[in-house]
N, C-alpha and C. Protein backbone atom coordinates (compact mmCIF):
# COMPACT_ATOMS: atom_id res chain seq x y z
N UNK A 1 110.72 48.44 127.44
CA UNK A 1 109.81 49.46 127.89
C UNK A 1 110.45 50.24 129.03
N UNK A 2 110.19 51.50 129.02
CA UNK A 2 110.70 52.39 130.07
C UNK A 2 109.88 52.20 131.35
N UNK A 3 110.56 51.90 132.42
CA UNK A 3 109.90 51.67 133.70
C UNK A 3 109.10 52.89 134.18
N UNK A 4 109.51 54.05 133.74
CA UNK A 4 108.87 55.30 134.22
C UNK A 4 107.59 55.60 133.43
N UNK A 5 107.37 54.97 132.32
CA UNK A 5 106.16 55.21 131.55
C UNK A 5 105.01 54.41 132.08
N UNK A 6 103.82 54.99 132.14
CA UNK A 6 102.64 54.24 132.63
C UNK A 6 102.07 53.34 131.51
N UNK A 7 101.22 52.43 131.94
CA UNK A 7 100.45 51.61 131.02
C UNK A 7 99.04 52.17 130.98
N UNK A 8 98.50 52.42 129.80
CA UNK A 8 97.13 52.91 129.67
C UNK A 8 96.15 51.75 129.63
N UNK A 9 95.01 51.93 130.28
CA UNK A 9 93.94 50.96 130.26
C UNK A 9 92.67 51.68 129.82
N UNK A 10 92.03 51.17 128.78
CA UNK A 10 90.89 51.86 128.15
C UNK A 10 89.66 50.99 128.15
N UNK A 11 88.53 51.58 128.63
CA UNK A 11 87.25 50.90 128.59
C UNK A 11 86.19 51.95 128.27
N UNK A 12 85.02 51.46 127.85
CA UNK A 12 83.91 52.36 127.57
C UNK A 12 83.21 52.81 128.85
N UNK A 13 83.61 52.27 129.99
CA UNK A 13 82.97 52.63 131.25
C UNK A 13 83.82 52.11 132.40
N UNK A 14 83.12 51.53 133.40
CA UNK A 14 83.81 51.07 134.62
C UNK A 14 84.07 49.57 134.66
N UNK A 15 83.55 48.83 133.70
CA UNK A 15 83.72 47.37 133.69
C UNK A 15 85.19 46.96 133.64
N UNK A 16 86.01 47.77 133.00
CA UNK A 16 87.43 47.48 132.85
C UNK A 16 88.23 47.61 134.16
N UNK A 17 87.57 48.14 135.20
CA UNK A 17 88.27 48.24 136.48
C UNK A 17 88.65 46.85 137.01
N UNK A 18 87.91 45.84 136.65
CA UNK A 18 88.29 44.46 137.03
C UNK A 18 89.56 44.04 136.33
N UNK A 19 89.74 44.49 135.09
CA UNK A 19 90.97 44.22 134.34
C UNK A 19 92.12 44.99 135.00
N UNK A 20 91.87 46.24 135.35
CA UNK A 20 92.91 47.04 136.02
C UNK A 20 93.33 46.41 137.33
N UNK A 21 92.39 45.86 138.07
CA UNK A 21 92.72 45.18 139.35
C UNK A 21 93.66 44.02 139.09
N UNK A 22 93.38 43.23 138.08
CA UNK A 22 94.25 42.09 137.73
C UNK A 22 95.64 42.57 137.31
N UNK A 23 95.65 43.62 136.53
CA UNK A 23 96.95 44.19 136.07
C UNK A 23 97.78 44.65 137.27
N UNK A 24 97.13 45.31 138.21
CA UNK A 24 97.83 45.75 139.43
C UNK A 24 98.41 44.56 140.18
N UNK A 25 97.67 43.47 140.27
CA UNK A 25 98.16 42.27 140.93
C UNK A 25 99.34 41.65 140.20
N UNK A 26 99.25 41.61 138.87
CA UNK A 26 100.29 40.99 138.07
C UNK A 26 101.53 41.85 137.91
N UNK A 27 101.33 43.18 137.91
CA UNK A 27 102.40 44.14 137.70
C UNK A 27 102.42 45.18 138.81
N UNK A 28 102.72 44.80 140.04
CA UNK A 28 102.54 45.72 141.19
C UNK A 28 103.47 46.95 141.15
N UNK A 29 104.53 46.91 140.36
CA UNK A 29 105.44 48.04 140.35
C UNK A 29 105.21 49.00 139.17
N UNK A 30 104.15 48.74 138.42
CA UNK A 30 103.81 49.58 137.27
C UNK A 30 102.83 50.66 137.66
N UNK A 31 102.86 51.76 136.95
CA UNK A 31 101.86 52.81 137.05
C UNK A 31 100.88 52.68 135.91
N UNK A 32 99.63 53.03 136.17
CA UNK A 32 98.57 52.90 135.20
C UNK A 32 97.77 54.20 135.07
N UNK A 33 97.28 54.39 133.86
CA UNK A 33 96.31 55.46 133.60
C UNK A 33 95.05 54.77 133.08
N UNK A 34 93.97 54.87 133.83
CA UNK A 34 92.69 54.23 133.43
C UNK A 34 91.79 55.28 132.82
N UNK A 35 91.28 54.98 131.65
CA UNK A 35 90.28 55.84 131.01
C UNK A 35 89.00 55.02 130.85
N UNK A 36 87.97 55.41 131.58
CA UNK A 36 86.66 54.81 131.45
C UNK A 36 85.74 55.88 130.86
N UNK A 37 85.36 55.73 129.65
CA UNK A 37 84.59 56.75 128.92
C UNK A 37 83.11 56.72 129.32
N UNK A 38 82.85 57.01 130.60
CA UNK A 38 81.48 56.93 131.11
C UNK A 38 80.58 58.03 130.51
N UNK A 39 81.18 59.07 130.03
CA UNK A 39 80.35 60.14 129.41
C UNK A 39 79.67 59.69 128.14
N UNK A 40 80.28 58.68 127.47
CA UNK A 40 79.69 58.24 126.18
C UNK A 40 79.27 56.76 126.18
N UNK A 41 79.31 56.17 127.35
CA UNK A 41 78.88 54.77 127.43
C UNK A 41 77.35 54.70 127.26
N UNK A 42 76.81 53.65 126.71
CA UNK A 42 77.44 52.43 126.25
C UNK A 42 77.92 52.55 124.81
N UNK A 43 78.99 51.88 124.50
CA UNK A 43 79.51 51.84 123.13
C UNK A 43 78.76 50.81 122.28
N UNK A 44 78.23 49.78 122.91
CA UNK A 44 77.64 48.66 122.20
C UNK A 44 76.45 48.97 121.32
N UNK A 45 75.83 50.15 121.50
CA UNK A 45 74.68 50.52 120.68
C UNK A 45 75.04 51.55 119.60
N UNK A 46 76.31 51.91 119.55
CA UNK A 46 76.77 52.95 118.63
C UNK A 46 77.32 52.35 117.33
N UNK A 47 77.48 53.24 116.35
CA UNK A 47 78.02 52.79 115.06
C UNK A 47 79.54 52.58 115.16
N UNK A 48 80.06 51.75 114.24
CA UNK A 48 81.49 51.50 114.20
C UNK A 48 82.27 52.79 114.02
N UNK A 49 81.79 53.65 113.16
CA UNK A 49 82.50 54.91 112.88
C UNK A 49 82.56 55.79 114.16
N UNK A 50 81.46 55.86 114.89
CA UNK A 50 81.42 56.65 116.11
C UNK A 50 82.37 56.10 117.16
N UNK A 51 82.34 54.77 117.33
CA UNK A 51 83.23 54.12 118.31
C UNK A 51 84.67 54.36 117.94
N UNK A 52 85.02 54.18 116.66
CA UNK A 52 86.40 54.40 116.22
C UNK A 52 86.84 55.85 116.52
N UNK A 53 85.92 56.80 116.34
CA UNK A 53 86.24 58.18 116.66
C UNK A 53 86.58 58.38 118.12
N UNK A 54 85.76 57.80 119.00
CA UNK A 54 86.01 57.90 120.43
C UNK A 54 87.35 57.27 120.81
N UNK A 55 87.61 56.07 120.28
CA UNK A 55 88.85 55.38 120.61
C UNK A 55 90.05 56.17 120.11
N UNK A 56 89.92 56.72 118.90
CA UNK A 56 91.02 57.53 118.36
C UNK A 56 91.34 58.72 119.27
N UNK A 57 90.35 59.37 119.76
CA UNK A 57 90.56 60.52 120.68
C UNK A 57 91.25 60.06 121.95
N UNK A 58 90.80 58.96 122.51
CA UNK A 58 91.39 58.48 123.78
C UNK A 58 92.82 57.97 123.53
N UNK A 59 93.03 57.24 122.47
CA UNK A 59 94.38 56.75 122.18
C UNK A 59 95.33 57.93 121.95
N UNK A 60 94.88 58.97 121.28
CA UNK A 60 95.70 60.14 121.08
C UNK A 60 96.03 60.80 122.42
N UNK A 61 95.06 60.87 123.30
CA UNK A 61 95.27 61.44 124.63
C UNK A 61 96.30 60.62 125.39
N UNK A 62 96.15 59.28 125.34
CA UNK A 62 97.11 58.40 126.02
C UNK A 62 98.52 58.55 125.42
N UNK A 63 98.59 58.75 124.10
CA UNK A 63 99.88 58.97 123.44
C UNK A 63 100.54 60.21 124.04
N UNK A 64 99.75 61.27 124.22
CA UNK A 64 100.28 62.51 124.83
C UNK A 64 100.72 62.30 126.26
N UNK A 65 100.19 61.30 126.95
CA UNK A 65 100.58 60.98 128.30
C UNK A 65 101.79 60.05 128.35
N UNK A 66 102.32 59.73 127.17
CA UNK A 66 103.56 58.97 127.03
C UNK A 66 103.45 57.56 127.63
N UNK A 67 102.32 56.89 127.36
CA UNK A 67 102.16 55.52 127.83
C UNK A 67 103.09 54.59 127.06
N UNK A 68 103.46 53.47 127.65
CA UNK A 68 104.31 52.53 126.98
C UNK A 68 103.52 51.38 126.34
N UNK A 69 102.25 51.27 126.74
CA UNK A 69 101.38 50.19 126.25
C UNK A 69 99.96 50.58 126.58
N UNK A 70 99.00 50.09 125.78
CA UNK A 70 97.59 50.29 126.08
C UNK A 70 96.88 48.93 126.08
N UNK A 71 96.15 48.70 127.15
CA UNK A 71 95.32 47.52 127.31
C UNK A 71 93.86 47.93 127.04
N UNK A 72 93.25 47.32 126.04
CA UNK A 72 91.85 47.58 125.74
C UNK A 72 91.06 46.63 126.63
N UNK A 73 90.43 47.17 127.68
CA UNK A 73 89.70 46.36 128.65
C UNK A 73 88.23 46.35 128.32
N UNK A 74 87.87 46.43 127.06
CA UNK A 74 86.49 46.51 126.63
C UNK A 74 86.29 45.52 125.48
N UNK A 75 85.33 44.62 125.65
CA UNK A 75 85.12 43.64 124.63
C UNK A 75 84.58 44.23 123.32
N UNK A 76 83.72 45.25 123.41
CA UNK A 76 83.24 45.88 122.20
C UNK A 76 84.43 46.44 121.40
N UNK A 77 85.36 47.09 122.08
CA UNK A 77 86.52 47.65 121.38
C UNK A 77 87.41 46.54 120.85
N UNK A 78 87.53 45.47 121.58
CA UNK A 78 88.34 44.33 121.10
C UNK A 78 87.71 43.75 119.83
N UNK A 79 86.40 43.60 119.85
CA UNK A 79 85.69 43.07 118.64
C UNK A 79 85.84 44.03 117.48
N UNK A 80 85.86 45.33 117.76
CA UNK A 80 85.97 46.32 116.72
C UNK A 80 87.29 46.15 115.96
N UNK A 81 88.27 45.71 116.66
CA UNK A 81 89.54 45.42 115.99
C UNK A 81 90.72 46.06 116.59
N UNK A 82 91.27 45.43 117.59
CA UNK A 82 92.50 45.89 118.20
C UNK A 82 93.61 45.92 117.14
N UNK A 83 93.52 44.98 116.18
CA UNK A 83 94.51 44.92 115.11
C UNK A 83 94.58 46.24 114.35
N UNK A 84 93.43 46.93 114.20
CA UNK A 84 93.42 48.18 113.45
C UNK A 84 94.10 49.32 114.21
N UNK A 85 94.32 49.11 115.54
CA UNK A 85 95.01 50.11 116.35
C UNK A 85 96.50 49.84 116.45
N UNK A 86 96.89 48.60 116.17
CA UNK A 86 98.31 48.25 116.29
C UNK A 86 99.10 48.90 115.18
N UNK A 87 100.28 49.38 115.56
CA UNK A 87 101.18 49.95 114.57
C UNK A 87 100.89 51.38 114.23
N UNK A 88 99.85 51.94 114.79
CA UNK A 88 99.50 53.34 114.48
C UNK A 88 99.99 54.30 115.56
N UNK A 89 100.57 53.74 116.61
CA UNK A 89 101.09 54.54 117.73
C UNK A 89 102.40 53.96 118.20
N UNK A 90 103.17 54.73 118.97
CA UNK A 90 104.49 54.27 119.36
C UNK A 90 104.49 53.28 120.54
N UNK A 91 103.39 52.56 120.71
CA UNK A 91 103.30 51.59 121.81
C UNK A 91 102.47 50.40 121.37
N UNK A 92 102.55 49.32 122.15
CA UNK A 92 101.80 48.10 121.88
C UNK A 92 100.36 48.29 122.38
N UNK A 93 99.42 47.70 121.63
CA UNK A 93 98.00 47.69 122.01
C UNK A 93 97.58 46.25 122.18
N UNK A 94 96.98 45.94 123.36
CA UNK A 94 96.57 44.58 123.70
C UNK A 94 95.07 44.58 123.97
N UNK A 95 94.35 43.60 123.43
CA UNK A 95 92.90 43.50 123.65
C UNK A 95 92.55 42.34 124.56
N UNK A 96 91.27 42.14 124.72
CA UNK A 96 90.74 41.04 125.53
C UNK A 96 90.69 39.77 124.69
N UNK A 97 90.74 38.63 125.37
CA UNK A 97 90.63 37.35 124.69
C UNK A 97 89.17 37.04 124.43
N UNK A 98 88.90 36.35 123.32
CA UNK A 98 87.52 35.95 123.04
C UNK A 98 87.15 34.69 123.87
N UNK A 99 88.10 34.03 124.48
CA UNK A 99 87.84 32.97 125.44
C UNK A 99 87.40 31.63 124.84
N UNK A 100 87.61 31.41 123.57
CA UNK A 100 87.10 30.20 122.92
C UNK A 100 87.61 28.92 123.58
N UNK A 101 88.89 28.82 123.82
CA UNK A 101 89.45 27.57 124.35
C UNK A 101 88.91 27.30 125.77
N UNK A 102 88.80 28.35 126.60
CA UNK A 102 88.29 28.14 127.95
C UNK A 102 86.84 27.71 127.95
N UNK A 103 86.06 28.30 127.07
CA UNK A 103 84.64 27.94 126.95
C UNK A 103 84.46 26.50 126.50
N UNK A 104 85.23 26.10 125.51
CA UNK A 104 85.12 24.72 125.00
C UNK A 104 85.56 23.72 126.07
N UNK A 105 86.58 24.06 126.83
CA UNK A 105 87.06 23.17 127.88
C UNK A 105 86.01 23.00 129.00
N UNK A 106 85.19 24.04 129.20
CA UNK A 106 84.22 24.01 130.26
C UNK A 106 82.89 23.41 129.81
N UNK A 107 82.76 23.05 128.55
CA UNK A 107 81.48 22.59 128.00
C UNK A 107 81.61 21.22 127.36
N UNK A 108 81.22 20.18 128.08
CA UNK A 108 81.38 18.81 127.55
C UNK A 108 80.64 18.55 126.20
N UNK A 109 79.49 19.19 126.04
CA UNK A 109 78.71 18.99 124.83
C UNK A 109 78.85 20.17 123.84
N UNK A 110 79.76 21.05 124.13
CA UNK A 110 80.13 22.17 123.26
C UNK A 110 78.93 23.08 122.97
N UNK A 111 78.15 23.35 124.02
CA UNK A 111 77.02 24.30 123.92
C UNK A 111 77.40 25.55 124.67
N UNK A 112 77.69 26.60 123.89
CA UNK A 112 78.30 27.81 124.42
C UNK A 112 77.33 29.00 124.28
N UNK A 113 77.18 29.76 125.35
CA UNK A 113 76.39 30.98 125.32
C UNK A 113 77.31 32.19 125.31
N UNK A 114 76.91 33.24 124.62
CA UNK A 114 77.68 34.47 124.61
C UNK A 114 76.71 35.61 124.96
N UNK A 115 77.00 36.32 126.04
CA UNK A 115 76.28 37.55 126.41
C UNK A 115 77.19 38.72 126.11
N UNK A 116 76.70 39.69 125.34
CA UNK A 116 77.56 40.80 124.97
C UNK A 116 76.72 41.97 124.52
N UNK A 117 77.40 43.06 124.17
CA UNK A 117 76.70 44.20 123.62
C UNK A 117 76.14 43.88 122.24
N UNK A 118 75.22 44.70 121.79
CA UNK A 118 74.63 44.51 120.46
C UNK A 118 75.74 44.54 119.39
N UNK A 119 76.66 45.45 119.49
CA UNK A 119 77.75 45.58 118.53
C UNK A 119 78.58 44.27 118.48
N UNK A 120 78.94 43.78 119.69
CA UNK A 120 79.78 42.56 119.75
C UNK A 120 79.04 41.37 119.16
N UNK A 121 77.79 41.23 119.50
CA UNK A 121 76.99 40.10 118.96
C UNK A 121 76.88 40.23 117.44
N UNK A 122 76.59 41.46 116.97
CA UNK A 122 76.45 41.67 115.52
C UNK A 122 77.72 41.38 114.78
N UNK A 123 78.87 41.58 115.42
CA UNK A 123 80.16 41.33 114.75
C UNK A 123 80.34 39.83 114.47
N UNK A 124 79.72 38.98 115.29
CA UNK A 124 79.84 37.53 115.11
C UNK A 124 81.21 36.97 115.42
N UNK A 125 82.10 37.77 115.99
CA UNK A 125 83.48 37.33 116.18
C UNK A 125 83.66 36.29 117.27
N UNK A 126 82.86 36.35 118.33
CA UNK A 126 82.96 35.29 119.33
C UNK A 126 82.56 33.95 118.71
N UNK A 127 81.44 33.96 118.02
CA UNK A 127 80.96 32.72 117.41
C UNK A 127 82.01 32.19 116.42
N UNK A 128 82.58 33.06 115.63
CA UNK A 128 83.60 32.68 114.65
C UNK A 128 84.81 32.07 115.35
N UNK A 129 85.25 32.68 116.43
CA UNK A 129 86.44 32.18 117.15
C UNK A 129 86.14 30.81 117.75
N UNK A 130 84.96 30.62 118.32
CA UNK A 130 84.59 29.35 118.94
C UNK A 130 84.51 28.27 117.87
N UNK A 131 83.84 28.58 116.77
CA UNK A 131 83.70 27.57 115.69
C UNK A 131 85.05 27.28 114.98
N UNK A 132 85.94 28.23 114.97
CA UNK A 132 87.28 27.99 114.44
C UNK A 132 88.01 27.00 115.32
N UNK A 133 87.81 27.08 116.61
CA UNK A 133 88.46 26.16 117.55
C UNK A 133 87.79 24.79 117.54
N UNK A 134 86.47 24.76 117.30
CA UNK A 134 85.73 23.51 117.26
C UNK A 134 84.48 23.69 116.39
N UNK A 135 84.54 23.25 115.15
CA UNK A 135 83.40 23.42 114.22
C UNK A 135 82.13 22.72 114.67
N UNK A 136 82.22 21.79 115.61
CA UNK A 136 81.05 21.05 116.09
C UNK A 136 80.32 21.81 117.24
N UNK A 137 80.92 22.87 117.69
CA UNK A 137 80.31 23.63 118.81
C UNK A 137 78.98 24.27 118.36
N UNK A 138 78.13 24.43 119.31
CA UNK A 138 76.89 25.17 119.09
C UNK A 138 76.97 26.46 119.89
N UNK A 139 76.81 27.60 119.23
CA UNK A 139 76.99 28.90 119.88
C UNK A 139 75.69 29.65 119.88
N UNK A 140 75.31 30.17 121.04
CA UNK A 140 74.07 30.89 121.24
C UNK A 140 74.39 32.32 121.68
N UNK A 141 74.44 33.26 120.73
CA UNK A 141 74.76 34.64 121.08
C UNK A 141 73.50 35.42 121.48
N UNK A 142 73.60 36.20 122.55
CA UNK A 142 72.48 37.02 123.03
C UNK A 142 73.00 38.43 123.35
N UNK A 143 72.44 39.43 122.73
CA UNK A 143 72.76 40.84 123.06
C UNK A 143 72.08 41.20 124.36
N UNK A 144 72.76 41.93 125.20
CA UNK A 144 72.20 42.26 126.52
C UNK A 144 72.33 43.77 126.81
N UNK A 145 71.56 44.58 126.06
CA UNK A 145 71.69 46.04 126.18
C UNK A 145 71.28 46.60 127.54
N UNK A 146 70.50 45.87 128.31
CA UNK A 146 70.06 46.38 129.62
C UNK A 146 71.18 46.32 130.65
N UNK A 147 72.17 45.50 130.44
CA UNK A 147 73.24 45.30 131.43
C UNK A 147 74.04 46.59 131.68
N UNK A 148 74.47 47.23 130.61
CA UNK A 148 75.42 48.36 130.79
C UNK A 148 74.82 49.45 131.65
N UNK A 149 73.61 49.96 131.37
CA UNK A 149 73.13 51.05 132.25
C UNK A 149 72.88 50.59 133.70
N UNK A 150 72.52 49.34 133.87
CA UNK A 150 72.32 48.84 135.24
C UNK A 150 73.62 48.70 136.00
N UNK A 151 74.63 48.14 135.35
CA UNK A 151 75.93 47.93 136.01
C UNK A 151 76.63 49.28 136.19
N UNK A 152 76.67 50.10 135.15
CA UNK A 152 77.32 51.40 135.25
C UNK A 152 76.59 52.26 136.31
N UNK A 153 75.30 52.05 136.51
CA UNK A 153 74.54 52.75 137.51
C UNK A 153 74.59 52.08 138.89
N UNK A 154 75.45 51.09 139.01
CA UNK A 154 75.68 50.35 140.28
C UNK A 154 74.39 49.73 140.82
N UNK A 155 73.59 49.18 139.94
CA UNK A 155 72.35 48.55 140.34
C UNK A 155 72.55 47.04 140.49
N UNK A 156 73.60 46.66 141.21
CA UNK A 156 74.04 45.27 141.29
C UNK A 156 73.03 44.31 141.86
N UNK A 157 72.26 44.76 142.84
CA UNK A 157 71.31 43.88 143.52
C UNK A 157 69.88 44.23 143.16
N UNK A 158 69.68 44.97 142.11
CA UNK A 158 68.33 45.47 141.79
C UNK A 158 67.45 44.38 141.16
N UNK A 159 66.15 44.51 141.35
CA UNK A 159 65.21 43.59 140.68
C UNK A 159 65.30 43.70 139.15
N UNK A 160 65.63 44.89 138.67
CA UNK A 160 65.78 45.10 137.23
C UNK A 160 66.90 44.30 136.65
N UNK A 161 68.03 44.22 137.39
CA UNK A 161 69.16 43.43 136.90
C UNK A 161 68.82 41.93 136.95
N UNK A 162 68.17 41.52 138.04
CA UNK A 162 67.76 40.11 138.12
C UNK A 162 66.83 39.74 136.95
N UNK A 163 65.91 40.64 136.65
CA UNK A 163 64.95 40.40 135.57
C UNK A 163 65.70 40.34 134.21
N UNK A 164 66.64 41.24 134.00
CA UNK A 164 67.45 41.22 132.75
C UNK A 164 68.23 39.93 132.61
N UNK A 165 68.82 39.50 133.71
CA UNK A 165 69.59 38.23 133.71
C UNK A 165 68.67 37.06 133.34
N UNK A 166 67.51 37.03 133.96
CA UNK A 166 66.57 35.94 133.65
C UNK A 166 66.14 35.98 132.17
N UNK A 167 65.89 37.17 131.69
CA UNK A 167 65.46 37.34 130.27
C UNK A 167 66.55 36.88 129.32
N UNK A 168 67.77 37.28 129.56
CA UNK A 168 68.87 36.99 128.64
C UNK A 168 69.35 35.54 128.75
N UNK A 169 69.18 34.91 129.90
CA UNK A 169 69.65 33.54 130.00
C UNK A 169 68.59 32.47 129.72
N UNK A 170 67.35 32.89 129.55
CA UNK A 170 66.28 31.92 129.24
C UNK A 170 66.59 31.12 127.98
N UNK A 171 67.05 31.72 126.87
CA UNK A 171 67.40 30.92 125.70
C UNK A 171 68.50 29.88 125.97
N UNK A 172 69.42 30.22 126.88
CA UNK A 172 70.49 29.31 127.22
C UNK A 172 69.95 28.08 127.94
N UNK A 173 69.02 28.32 128.85
CA UNK A 173 68.42 27.20 129.58
C UNK A 173 67.66 26.29 128.63
N UNK A 174 66.93 26.85 127.71
CA UNK A 174 66.17 26.04 126.74
C UNK A 174 67.10 25.22 125.84
N UNK A 175 68.25 25.78 125.50
CA UNK A 175 69.20 25.11 124.62
C UNK A 175 70.15 24.16 125.34
N UNK A 176 70.16 24.18 126.66
CA UNK A 176 71.08 23.33 127.41
C UNK A 176 72.50 23.83 127.37
N UNK A 177 72.70 25.14 127.30
CA UNK A 177 74.05 25.75 127.30
C UNK A 177 74.77 25.37 128.58
N UNK A 178 76.04 25.01 128.42
CA UNK A 178 76.86 24.56 129.54
C UNK A 178 77.89 25.58 130.01
N UNK A 179 78.28 26.50 129.15
CA UNK A 179 79.27 27.51 129.47
C UNK A 179 78.86 28.84 128.83
N UNK A 180 79.04 29.92 129.56
CA UNK A 180 78.66 31.24 129.06
C UNK A 180 79.83 32.19 129.24
N UNK A 181 80.08 33.00 128.23
CA UNK A 181 81.05 34.08 128.34
C UNK A 181 80.26 35.39 128.48
N UNK A 182 80.60 36.15 129.49
CA UNK A 182 80.02 37.46 129.69
C UNK A 182 81.00 38.46 129.06
N UNK A 183 80.72 38.81 127.84
CA UNK A 183 81.64 39.65 127.08
C UNK A 183 81.11 41.09 127.06
N UNK A 184 80.75 41.56 128.22
CA UNK A 184 80.15 42.88 128.37
C UNK A 184 80.22 43.21 129.85
N UNK A 185 79.94 44.44 130.20
CA UNK A 185 79.90 44.84 131.62
C UNK A 185 79.10 43.84 132.44
């Protein structure tokens, strides 16, 4: 890779800034271009065709910026299929991990919760990855559509966010879930 080329980082909003922070720490001498598509967030309630269109536009824009690699810092986009983006551009595309091994290691009784966008939950890919790693695991997926507008709106300490957290985690408490992946903003 050319040292002078930046690395592109793509998210549907601002949640991927945490990924960008880690990348800066790991690769302090690299330059980055961050694209947070806040104008069209949330992606998790949109159709696959619409999301693919948005991603195609952004990837084409990053191609014009001569990036050497693109990191997909969005779980919805990762679930959509980073594989479908690989090989279509002159750079490597990397997505987020589904976290199956880490979740299983943190859960003695293999009771796993998944909080994610509606699209990600509907894809079933987290559950599939966890069950592929351990068919005895019990997976409890919950879509959390209220999170994105609250987080993107910086409502971090709001009563609305606390209420949404309580609502979405109630099924986990009832099921005795031991580990949860937050696969969304």
